[in-house]
Amino acid sequence: MSSSPITAVIPVGPAETSLQPMLRQLGYLSAAQKIIFVFCPASAPLITQLPQDERIITLTVEAGRAAQMNAGAQQVTSGFIWFVHLDSRFSNTQWQLLNQSLKRAPDALHYFNLRFLADGRGPIWLNSLGANLRSRCLGLPFGDQGFCLSVEQFNRLGGYPMDAPYGEDHLFVWRAHHGGVKLVNIGSVLTTSARKYASTGWCQLTFRYQLYWLKQALPQLWTLLKHKLS
């Protein structure tokens, strides 16, 4: 077992068609306390692809990443929760560095640097660079960077906001800032799919994401500043 008990929570959205890329990585999670796959009604048929493993837990809840991640987190009573996107790619290196980071700062919110797979379209490297600069300079990583924190801190922050039409991961980071939770960069890269940029178009999706996060960030920043100045 890992010296820092970690449970992986993996939401499976309605657009997913296969679990195989993630299943090929389960060997790197051999020391995980539990592996929780959280399906929605549309993705529930994929449950049959899961291997027989007493550590694997499956849930089916209403569609929505926030609802799915909160439902998975509710199954964890001790240790740490690592929220992993289904299209994330990692190895034993990421697992070991995550454990080391948790030992150094057990009360923090930990995240990885981001790199995109070559399955997108356009200058995806710019998106990776922008995400990593935003994380380091502004303290605003997003969910595809593999958030990990203790059960106690997650519950204290109230989980992911259920009423947000988008950006629940971004708003959760703001909850961490408002709650005085330190953010820690693990110092390793988590790779994720860029397929949305191929299906939607690089310019359109990049512009949309930048607009969305700025629209959410400005009122949160104002609230944080007012609190510090009061």
C-alpha atoms as a PDB file:
ATOM      1  CA  MET A   1       0.000   0.000   0.000  1.00  0.00           C
ATOM      2  CA  SER A   2       0.987   3.593  -0.562  1.00  0.00           C
ATOM      3  CA  SER A   3       2.239   5.424   2.522  1.00  0.00           C
ATOM      4  CA  SER A   4      -0.319   8.111   1.653  1.00  0.00           C
ATOM      5  CA  PRO A   5      -3.619   6.302   0.982  1.00  0.00           C
ATOM      6  CA  ILE A   6      -4.964   7.691  -2.281  1.00  0.00           C
ATOM      7  CA  THR A   7      -8.293   6.959  -3.925  1.00  0.00           C
ATOM      8  CA  ALA A   8      -8.615   7.755  -7.624  1.00  0.00           C
ATOM      9  CA  VAL A   9     -11.974   9.185  -8.718  1.00  0.00           C
ATOM     10  CA  ILE A  10     -12.554   8.958 -12.478  1.00  0.00           C
ATOM     11  CA  PRO A  11     -15.726  10.493 -13.981  1.00  0.00           C
ATOM     12  CA  VAL A  12     -16.990   8.940 -17.227  1.00  0.00           C
ATOM     13  CA  GLY A  13     -18.993  11.441 -19.272  1.00  0.00           C
ATOM     14  CA  PRO A  14     -21.844  10.797 -21.710  1.00  0.00           C
ATOM     15  CA  ALA A  15     -19.650  11.226 -24.802  1.00  0.00           C
ATOM     16  CA  GLU A  16     -17.178   8.483 -23.847  1.00  0.00           C
ATOM     17  CA  THR A  17     -17.151   5.307 -25.944  1.00  0.00           C
ATOM     18  CA  SER A  18     -14.343   3.259 -24.372  1.00  0.00           C
ATOM     19  CA  LEU A  19     -12.486   2.811 -21.103  1.00  0.00           C
ATOM     20  CA  GLN A  20      -9.555   0.986 -22.666  1.00  0.00           C
ATOM     21  CA  PRO A  21      -6.908   3.757 -22.616  1.00  0.00           C
ATOM     22  CA  MET A  22      -7.501   4.250 -18.885  1.00  0.00           C
ATOM     23  CA  LEU A  23      -7.707   0.520 -18.196  1.00  0.00           C
ATOM     24  CA  ARG A  24      -4.242   0.044 -19.689  1.00  0.00           C
ATOM     25  CA  GLN A  25      -2.909   2.346 -16.959  1.00  0.00           C
ATOM     26  CA  LEU A  26      -4.557   0.688 -13.967  1.00  0.00           C
ATOM     27  CA  GLY A  27      -1.315  -1.140 -13.176  1.00  0.00           C
ATOM     28  CA  TYR A  28       0.164   2.208 -12.143  1.00  0.00           C
ATOM     29  CA  LEU A  29      -2.636   2.494  -9.584  1.00  0.00           C
ATOM     30  CA  SER A  30      -1.840  -0.841  -7.951  1.00  0.00           C
ATOM     31  CA  ALA A  31      -1.079   0.948  -4.685  1.00  0.00           C
ATOM     32  CA  ALA A  32      -4.281   2.994  -4.714  1.00  0.00           C
ATOM     33  CA  GLN A  33      -6.671   2.475  -1.834  1.00  0.00           C
ATOM     34  CA  LYS A  34      -9.674   2.442  -4.209  1.00  0.00           C
ATOM     35  CA  ILE A  35     -10.421   3.287  -7.829  1.00  0.00           C
ATOM     36  CA  ILE A  36     -13.873   4.804  -8.269  1.00  0.00           C
ATOM     37  CA  PHE A  37     -15.370   5.084 -11.749  1.00  0.00           C
ATOM     38  CA  VAL A  38     -18.388   7.378 -11.748  1.00  0.00           C
ATOM     39  CA  PHE A  39     -20.691   6.895 -14.722  1.00  0.00           C
ATOM     40  CA  CYS A  40     -23.740   8.782 -15.918  1.00  0.00           C
ATOM     41  CA  PRO A  41     -26.762   7.009 -17.460  1.00  0.00           C
ATOM     42  CA  ALA A  42     -25.417   7.433 -21.013  1.00  0.00           C
ATOM     43  CA  SER A  43     -21.995   5.989 -20.183  1.00  0.00           C
ATOM     44  CA  ALA A  44     -23.189   3.239 -17.820  1.00  0.00           C
ATOM     45  CA  PRO A  45     -23.010   0.498 -20.519  1.00  0.00           C
ATOM     46  CA  LEU A  46     -19.205   0.881 -20.388  1.00  0.00           C
ATOM     47  CA  ILE A  47     -19.185  -0.664 -16.904  1.00  0.00           C
ATOM     48  CA  THR A  48     -18.920  -4.080 -18.558  1.00  0.00           C
ATOM     49  CA  GLN A  49     -15.393  -3.169 -19.740  1.00  0.00           C
ATOM     50  CA  LEU A  50     -14.060  -2.981 -16.183  1.00  0.00           C
ATOM     51  CA  PRO A  51     -11.986  -5.880 -14.851  1.00  0.00           C
ATOM     52  CA  GLN A  52     -12.868  -7.811 -11.716  1.00  0.00           C
ATOM     53  CA  ASP A  53     -10.980  -6.033  -8.935  1.00  0.00           C
ATOM     54  CA  GLU A  54     -12.178  -5.587  -5.374  1.00  0.00           C
ATOM     55  CA  ARG A  55     -10.645  -2.111  -5.275  1.00  0.00           C
ATOM     56  CA  ILE A  56     -12.726  -0.900  -8.238  1.00  0.00           C
ATOM     57  CA  ILE A  57     -16.033   0.735  -7.298  1.00  0.00           C
ATOM     58  CA  THR A  58     -18.636   1.850  -9.835  1.00  0.00           C
ATOM     59  CA  LEU A  59     -21.339   4.464  -9.387  1.00  0.00           C
ATOM     60  CA  THR A  60     -23.965   5.794 -11.768  1.00  0.00           C
ATOM     61  CA  VAL A  61     -25.316   9.278 -11.061  1.00  0.00           C
ATOM     62  CA  GLU A  62     -26.834  12.141 -13.020  1.00  0.00           C
ATOM     63  CA  ALA A  63     -24.746  13.528 -15.862  1.00  0.00           C
ATOM     64  CA  GLY A  64     -22.406  16.377 -14.997  1.00  0.00           C
ATOM     65  CA  ARG A  65     -18.763  16.310 -13.989  1.00  0.00           C
ATOM     66  CA  ALA A  66     -19.331  18.133 -10.697  1.00  0.00           C
ATOM     67  CA  ALA A  67     -22.103  15.728  -9.658  1.00  0.00           C
ATOM     68  CA  GLN A  68     -20.021  12.730 -10.667  1.00  0.00           C
ATOM     69  CA  MET A  69     -16.867  13.849  -8.881  1.00  0.00           C
ATOM     70  CA  ASN A  70     -18.752  14.797  -5.727  1.00  0.00           C
ATOM     71  CA  ALA A  71     -20.507  11.421  -5.732  1.00  0.00           C
ATOM     72  CA  GLY A  72     -17.175   9.641  -6.049  1.00  0.00           C
ATOM     73  CA  ALA A  73     -15.630  11.717  -3.275  1.00  0.00           C
ATOM     74  CA  GLN A  74     -18.496  10.819  -0.949  1.00  0.00           C
ATOM     75  CA  GLN A  75     -17.304   7.207  -1.081  1.00  0.00           C
ATOM     76  CA  VAL A  76     -13.908   8.168   0.359  1.00  0.00           C
ATOM     77  CA  THR A  77     -13.627   8.368   4.132  1.00  0.00           C
ATOM     78  CA  SER A  78      -9.882   8.714   4.675  1.00  0.00           C
ATOM     79  CA  GLY A  79      -6.647   9.654   2.950  1.00  0.00           C
ATOM     80  CA  PHE A  80      -6.494  11.607  -0.277  1.00  0.00           C
ATOM     81  CA  ILE A  81      -8.683  11.927  -3.369  1.00  0.00           C
ATOM     82  CA  TRP A  82      -7.055  12.141  -6.792  1.00  0.00           C
ATOM     83  CA  PHE A  83      -9.492  13.386  -9.437  1.00  0.00           C
ATOM     84  CA  VAL A  84      -8.367  11.971 -12.785  1.00  0.00           C
ATOM     85  CA  HIS A  85      -9.975  12.630 -16.153  1.00  0.00           C
ATOM     86  CA  LEU A  86     -10.668   9.528 -18.221  1.00  0.00           C
ATOM     87  CA  ASP A  87      -8.437  10.755 -21.050  1.00  0.00           C
ATOM     88  CA  SER A  88      -5.461  11.550 -18.787  1.00  0.00           C
ATOM     89  CA  ARG A  89      -2.242   9.623 -19.372  1.00  0.00           C
ATOM     90  CA  PHE A  90       0.164   8.871 -16.546  1.00  0.00           C
ATOM     91  CA  SER A  91       2.754   6.357 -15.432  1.00  0.00           C
ATOM     92  CA  ASN A  92       4.394   5.147 -12.249  1.00  0.00           C
ATOM     93  CA  THR A  93       6.499   8.322 -12.281  1.00  0.00           C
ATOM     94  CA  GLN A  94       3.451  10.528 -11.789  1.00  0.00           C
ATOM     95  CA  TRP A  95       2.150   8.221  -9.073  1.00  0.00           C
ATOM     96  CA  GLN A  96       5.415   8.303  -7.114  1.00  0.00           C
ATOM     97  CA  LEU A  97       5.837  12.073  -7.425  1.00  0.00           C
ATOM     98  CA  LEU A  98       2.236  12.596  -6.342  1.00  0.00           C
ATOM     99  CA  ASN A  99       2.890  10.563  -3.191  1.00  0.00           C
ATOM    100  CA  GLN A 100       6.037  12.537  -2.445  1.00  0.00           C
ATOM    101  CA  SER A 101       4.214  15.828  -2.914  1.00  0.00           C
ATOM    102  CA  LEU A 102       1.433  14.754  -0.554  1.00  0.00           C
ATOM    103  CA  LYS A 103       3.985  13.870   2.125  1.00  0.00           C
ATOM    104  CA  ARG A 104       5.578  17.315   1.867  1.00  0.00           C
ATOM    105  CA  ALA A 105       2.291  19.237   2.014  1.00  0.00           C
ATOM    106  CA  PRO A 106      -0.615  17.039   3.171  1.00  0.00           C
ATOM    107  CA  ASP A 107      -3.010  19.972   3.623  1.00  0.00           C
ATOM    108  CA  ALA A 108      -2.513  21.446   0.141  1.00  0.00           C
ATOM    109  CA  LEU A 109      -4.294  21.086  -3.186  1.00  0.00           C
ATOM    110  CA  HIS A 110      -1.819  19.366  -5.519  1.00  0.00           C
ATOM    111  CA  TYR A 111      -1.793  19.526  -9.318  1.00  0.00           C
ATOM    112  CA  PHE A 112       0.374  18.529 -12.289  1.00  0.00           C
ATOM    113  CA  ASN A 113       1.728  20.487 -15.214  1.00  0.00           C
ATOM    114  CA  LEU A 114      -0.277  19.943 -18.387  1.00  0.00           C
ATOM    115  CA  ARG A 115       0.686  18.505 -21.751  1.00  0.00           C
ATOM    116  CA  PHE A 116      -1.677  17.622 -24.606  1.00  0.00           C
ATOM    117  CA  LEU A 117      -1.577  14.514 -26.728  1.00  0.00           C
ATOM    118  CA  ALA A 118      -1.017  14.912 -30.462  1.00  0.00           C
ATOM    119  CA  ASP A 119      -4.671  14.152 -31.228  1.00  0.00           C
ATOM    120  CA  GLY A 120      -5.788  17.763 -31.502  1.00  0.00           C
ATOM    121  CA  ARG A 121      -5.594  20.463 -34.139  1.00  0.00           C
ATOM    122  CA  GLY A 122      -3.696  23.738 -34.223  1.00  0.00           C
ATOM    123  CA  PRO A 123      -0.807  24.943 -32.018  1.00  0.00           C
ATOM    124  CA  ILE A 124      -1.842  22.913 -28.988  1.00  0.00           C
ATOM    125  CA  TRP A 125       1.534  23.568 -27.377  1.00  0.00           C
ATOM    126  CA  LEU A 126       0.382  27.154 -26.824  1.00  0.00           C
ATOM    127  CA  ASN A 127      -2.560  25.903 -24.780  1.00  0.00           C
ATOM    128  CA  SER A 128      -0.237  23.795 -22.620  1.00  0.00           C
ATOM    129  CA  LEU A 129       2.110  26.730 -22.139  1.00  0.00           C
ATOM    130  CA  GLY A 130      -0.760  29.042 -21.261  1.00  0.00           C
ATOM    131  CA  ALA A 131      -2.242  26.568 -18.765  1.00  0.00           C
ATOM    132  CA  ASN A 132       1.088  26.053 -17.015  1.00  0.00           C
ATOM    133  CA  LEU A 133       1.830  29.779 -16.861  1.00  0.00           C
ATOM    134  CA  ARG A 134      -1.663  30.491 -15.524  1.00  0.00           C
ATOM    135  CA  SER A 135      -1.170  27.802 -12.870  1.00  0.00           C
ATOM    136  CA  ARG A 136       2.229  29.009 -11.714  1.00  0.00           C
ATOM    137  CA  CYS A 137       1.703  32.763 -11.978  1.00  0.00           C
ATOM    138  CA  LEU A 138      -1.970  33.064 -11.001  1.00  0.00           C
ATOM    139  CA  GLY A 139      -2.470  29.878  -8.986  1.00  0.00           C
ATOM    140  CA  LEU A 140      -5.306  28.729 -11.253  1.00  0.00           C
ATOM    141  CA  PRO A 141      -4.831  25.168 -12.522  1.00  0.00           C
ATOM    142  CA  PHE A 142      -7.775  23.386 -14.162  1.00  0.00           C
ATOM    143  CA  GLY A 143      -9.188  19.924 -13.595  1.00  0.00           C
ATOM    144  CA  ASP A 144      -7.277  18.175 -16.379  1.00  0.00           C
ATOM    145  CA  GLN A 145      -4.164  18.828 -14.288  1.00  0.00           C
ATOM    146  CA  GLY A 146      -5.202  16.108 -11.840  1.00  0.00           C
ATOM    147  CA  PHE A 147      -6.278  17.733  -8.569  1.00  0.00           C
ATOM    148  CA  CYS A 148      -5.426  15.803  -5.409  1.00  0.00           C
ATOM    149  CA  LEU A 149      -6.209  16.769  -1.819  1.00  0.00           C
ATOM    150  CA  SER A 150      -7.185  15.249   1.491  1.00  0.00           C
ATOM    151  CA  VAL A 151     -10.729  14.140   2.182  1.00  0.00           C
ATOM    152  CA  GLU A 152     -10.858  16.607   5.076  1.00  0.00           C
ATOM    153  CA  GLN A 153      -9.920  19.568   2.898  1.00  0.00           C
ATOM    154  CA  PHE A 154     -12.289  18.525   0.124  1.00  0.00           C
ATOM    155  CA  ASN A 155     -15.203  18.320   2.544  1.00  0.00           C
ATOM    156  CA  ARG A 156     -14.247  21.586   4.232  1.00  0.00           C
ATOM    157  CA  LEU A 157     -14.322  23.356   0.859  1.00  0.00           C
ATOM    158  CA  GLY A 158     -17.754  21.952   0.095  1.00  0.00           C
ATOM    159  CA  GLY A 159     -16.780  19.933  -2.957  1.00  0.00           C
ATOM    160  CA  TYR A 160     -17.297  21.013  -6.557  1.00  0.00           C
ATOM    161  CA  PRO A 161     -20.050  23.605  -7.109  1.00  0.00           C
ATOM    162  CA  MET A 162     -23.140  21.873  -8.491  1.00  0.00           C
ATOM    163  CA  ASP A 163     -24.836  25.008  -9.801  1.00  0.00           C
ATOM    164  CA  ALA A 164     -22.092  26.130 -12.196  1.00  0.00           C
ATOM    165  CA  PRO A 165     -22.997  25.716 -15.895  1.00  0.00           C
ATOM    166  CA  TYR A 166     -19.273  25.228 -16.642  1.00  0.00           C
ATOM    167  CA  GLY A 167     -15.863  25.566 -15.000  1.00  0.00           C
ATOM    168  CA  GLU A 168     -16.611  23.639 -11.805  1.00  0.00           C
ATOM    169  CA  ASP A 169     -12.895  22.809 -11.519  1.00  0.00           C
ATOM    170  CA  HIS A 170     -11.922  26.463 -11.896  1.00  0.00           C
ATOM    171  CA  LEU A 171     -14.440  27.507  -9.228  1.00  0.00           C
ATOM    172  CA  PHE A 172     -13.220  24.740  -6.928  1.00  0.00           C
ATOM    173  CA  VAL A 173      -9.716  26.241  -7.086  1.00  0.00           C
ATOM    174  CA  TRP A 174     -11.209  29.582  -6.088  1.00  0.00           C
ATOM    175  CA  ARG A 175     -12.877  27.839  -3.155  1.00  0.00           C
ATOM    176  CA  ALA A 176      -9.397  26.665  -2.174  1.00  0.00           C
ATOM    177  CA  HIS A 177      -8.045  30.224  -2.385  1.00  0.00           C
ATOM    178  CA  HIS A 178     -10.938  31.620  -0.349  1.00  0.00           C
ATOM    179  CA  GLY A 179     -10.479  28.797   2.171  1.00  0.00           C
ATOM    180  CA  GLY A 180      -6.773  29.423   2.631  1.00  0.00           C
ATOM    181  CA  VAL A 181      -5.686  26.130   1.059  1.00  0.00           C
ATOM    182  CA  LYS A 182      -2.208  26.245  -0.441  1.00  0.00           C
ATOM    183  CA  LEU A 183      -1.765  25.080  -4.041  1.00  0.00           C
ATOM    184  CA  VAL A 184       1.262  22.909  -4.807  1.00  0.00           C
ATOM    185  CA  ASN A 185       2.696  22.068  -8.224  1.00  0.00           C
ATOM    186  CA  ILE A 186       3.798  18.421  -8.164  1.00  0.00           C
ATOM    187  CA  GLY A 187       6.602  19.123 -10.638  1.00  0.00           C
ATOM    188  CA  SER A 188       5.602  16.469 -13.152  1.00  0.00           C
ATOM    189  CA  VAL A 189       3.524  16.412 -16.322  1.00  0.00           C
ATOM    190  CA  LEU A 190       0.078  14.902 -16.738  1.00  0.00           C
ATOM    191  CA  THR A 191      -0.812  14.342 -20.384  1.00  0.00           C
ATOM    192  CA  THR A 192      -4.379  14.629 -21.617  1.00  0.00           C
ATOM    193  CA  SER A 193      -6.275  14.363 -24.885  1.00  0.00           C
ATOM    194  CA  ALA A 194      -6.692  17.385 -27.172  1.00  0.00           C
ATOM    195  CA  ARG A 195      -9.502  15.756 -29.160  1.00  0.00           C
ATOM    196  CA  LYS A 196     -11.932  18.584 -28.403  1.00  0.00           C
ATOM    197  CA  TYR A 197      -9.679  20.963 -30.293  1.00  0.00           C
ATOM    198  CA  ALA A 198      -9.888  18.655 -33.310  1.00  0.00           C
ATOM    199  CA  SER A 199     -13.679  18.334 -33.220  1.00  0.00           C
ATOM    200  CA  THR A 200     -14.517  21.953 -32.377  1.00  0.00           C
ATOM    201  CA  GLY A 201     -11.626  23.846 -33.951  1.00  0.00           C
ATOM    202  CA  TRP A 202      -8.565  25.305 -32.235  1.00  0.00           C
ATOM    203  CA  CYS A 203      -9.401  29.014 -32.572  1.00  0.00           C
ATOM    204  CA  GLN A 204     -13.030  28.656 -31.558  1.00  0.00           C
ATOM    205  CA  LEU A 205     -12.387  26.463 -28.522  1.00  0.00           C
ATOM    206  CA  THR A 206      -9.341  28.402 -27.326  1.00  0.00           C
ATOM    207  CA  PHE A 207     -11.238  31.696 -27.496  1.00  0.00           C
ATOM    208  CA  ARG A 208     -14.252  30.172 -25.732  1.00  0.00           C
ATOM    209  CA  TYR A 209     -12.177  28.754 -22.877  1.00  0.00           C
ATOM    210  CA  GLN A 210     -10.307  32.028 -22.325  1.00  0.00           C
ATOM    211  CA  LEU A 211     -13.552  33.974 -22.274  1.00  0.00           C
ATOM    212  CA  TYR A 212     -15.181  31.536 -19.875  1.00  0.00           C
ATOM    213  CA  TRP A 213     -12.408  31.437 -17.296  1.00  0.00           C
ATOM    214  CA  LEU A 214     -11.919  35.210 -17.298  1.00  0.00           C
ATOM    215  CA  LYS A 215     -15.658  35.713 -16.856  1.00  0.00           C
ATOM    216  CA  GLN A 216     -15.559  33.436 -13.811  1.00  0.00           C
ATOM    217  CA  ALA A 217     -12.241  34.654 -12.414  1.00  0.00           C
ATOM    218  CA  LEU A 218     -12.865  38.403 -12.223  1.00  0.00           C
ATOM    219  CA  PRO A 219     -15.693  38.349  -9.642  1.00  0.00           C
ATOM    220  CA  GLN A 220     -13.827  35.705  -7.620  1.00  0.00           C
ATOM    221  CA  LEU A 221     -10.702  37.867  -7.624  1.00  0.00           C
ATOM    222  CA  TRP A 222     -12.695  40.897  -6.521  1.00  0.00           C
ATOM    223  CA  THR A 223     -14.221  38.918  -3.637  1.00  0.00           C
ATOM    224  CA  LEU A 224     -10.789  37.692  -2.554  1.00  0.00           C
ATOM    225  CA  LEU A 225      -9.312  41.200  -2.671  1.00  0.00           C
ATOM    226  CA  LYS A 226     -12.193  42.666  -0.653  1.00  0.00           C
ATOM    227  CA  HIS A 227     -11.701  39.984   1.991  1.00  0.00           C
ATOM    228  CA  LYS A 228      -7.962  40.683   2.249  1.00  0.00           C
ATOM    229  CA  LEU A 229      -8.457  44.442   2.408  1.00  0.00           C
ATOM    230  CA  SER A 230     -11.245  44.333   4.985  1.00  0.00           C
END
